[in-house]
Amino acid sequence: MREYKFFHADRGGHLNEGAIITEYVRQNVPDFAKRLSRLSSFFAALSIDDALLFAKEIIPRPD
């Protein structure tokens, strides 16, 4: 089984391990459906493929 690392800048310190962040955003961001590309960059990924692309292109690269 492959292991994936996800990185997120939680400037407000609101996230905790195991939190389901997409449901929170759907409920609290009225324009969620209109802003998928912005949320993609905000969360780094909305799918495994997006996460892989993000990991390849982010600067500086995480370990």
Protein backbone atom coordinates (compact mmCIF):
# COMPACT_ATOMS: atom_id res chain seq x y z
CA MET A 1 0.00 0.00 0.00
CA ARG A 2 1.35 3.46 -0.95
CA GLU A 3 1.63 6.14 1.67
CA TYR A 4 0.72 9.72 0.80
CA LYS A 5 1.65 12.86 2.68
CA PHE A 6 -0.65 15.85 2.52
CA PHE A 7 0.52 19.33 3.45
CA HIS A 8 -1.75 22.16 4.47
CA ALA A 9 -1.01 25.63 5.79
CA ASP A 10 -3.38 25.87 8.76
CA ARG A 11 -2.61 29.45 9.69
CA GLY A 12 -5.57 29.67 12.05
CA GLY A 13 -4.71 26.43 13.85
CA HIS A 14 -8.25 25.08 13.32
CA LEU A 15 -7.42 21.62 11.96
CA ASN A 16 -6.75 18.50 13.94
CA GLU A 17 -5.66 15.03 12.87
CA GLY A 18 -8.44 13.08 11.19
CA ALA A 19 -10.62 16.15 10.58
CA ILE A 20 -12.84 16.02 7.50
CA ILE A 21 -12.10 19.43 6.05
CA THR A 22 -14.03 19.25 2.78
CA GLU A 23 -17.37 18.89 4.60
CA TYR A 24 -16.53 21.85 6.82
CA VAL A 25 -15.74 23.95 3.75
CA ARG A 26 -18.88 22.85 1.90
CA GLN A 27 -20.97 24.01 4.86
CA ASN A 28 -19.09 27.24 5.58
CA VAL A 29 -18.01 28.54 2.18
CA PRO A 30 -21.10 29.58 0.18
CA ASP A 31 -19.30 29.57 -3.18
CA PHE A 32 -17.64 26.14 -2.76
CA ALA A 33 -18.85 24.81 -6.13
CA LYS A 34 -17.72 27.95 -7.95
CA ARG A 35 -14.25 28.02 -6.42
CA LEU A 36 -12.87 24.52 -6.94
CA SER A 37 -9.58 25.67 -8.43
CA ARG A 38 -9.02 28.09 -5.56
CA LEU A 39 -9.87 25.40 -3.03
CA SER A 40 -7.56 23.01 -4.86
CA SER A 41 -4.68 25.34 -4.16
CA PHE A 42 -5.96 26.07 -0.64
CA PHE A 43 -6.05 22.39 0.27
CA ALA A 44 -3.28 21.45 -2.16
CA ALA A 45 -5.51 18.69 -3.47
CA LEU A 46 -9.05 17.49 -3.84
CA SER A 47 -7.88 14.12 -5.17
CA ILE A 48 -4.84 11.84 -5.08
CA ASP A 49 -3.90 12.96 -8.60
CA ASP A 50 -4.03 16.61 -7.51
CA ALA A 51 -1.90 15.77 -4.48
CA LEU A 52 0.75 14.12 -6.66
CA LEU A 53 0.83 17.10 -9.01
CA PHE A 54 1.12 19.47 -6.05
CA ALA A 55 3.95 17.41 -4.53
CA LYS A 56 5.90 17.53 -7.79
CA GLU A 57 5.50 21.28 -8.29
CA ILE A 58 5.62 22.81 -4.78
CA ILE A 59 8.63 24.95 -3.92
CA PRO A 60 10.27 24.42 -1.50
CA ARG A 61 9.73 20.68 -1.64
CA PRO A 62 8.81 18.95 1.61
CA ASP A 63 10.96 16.02 2.77
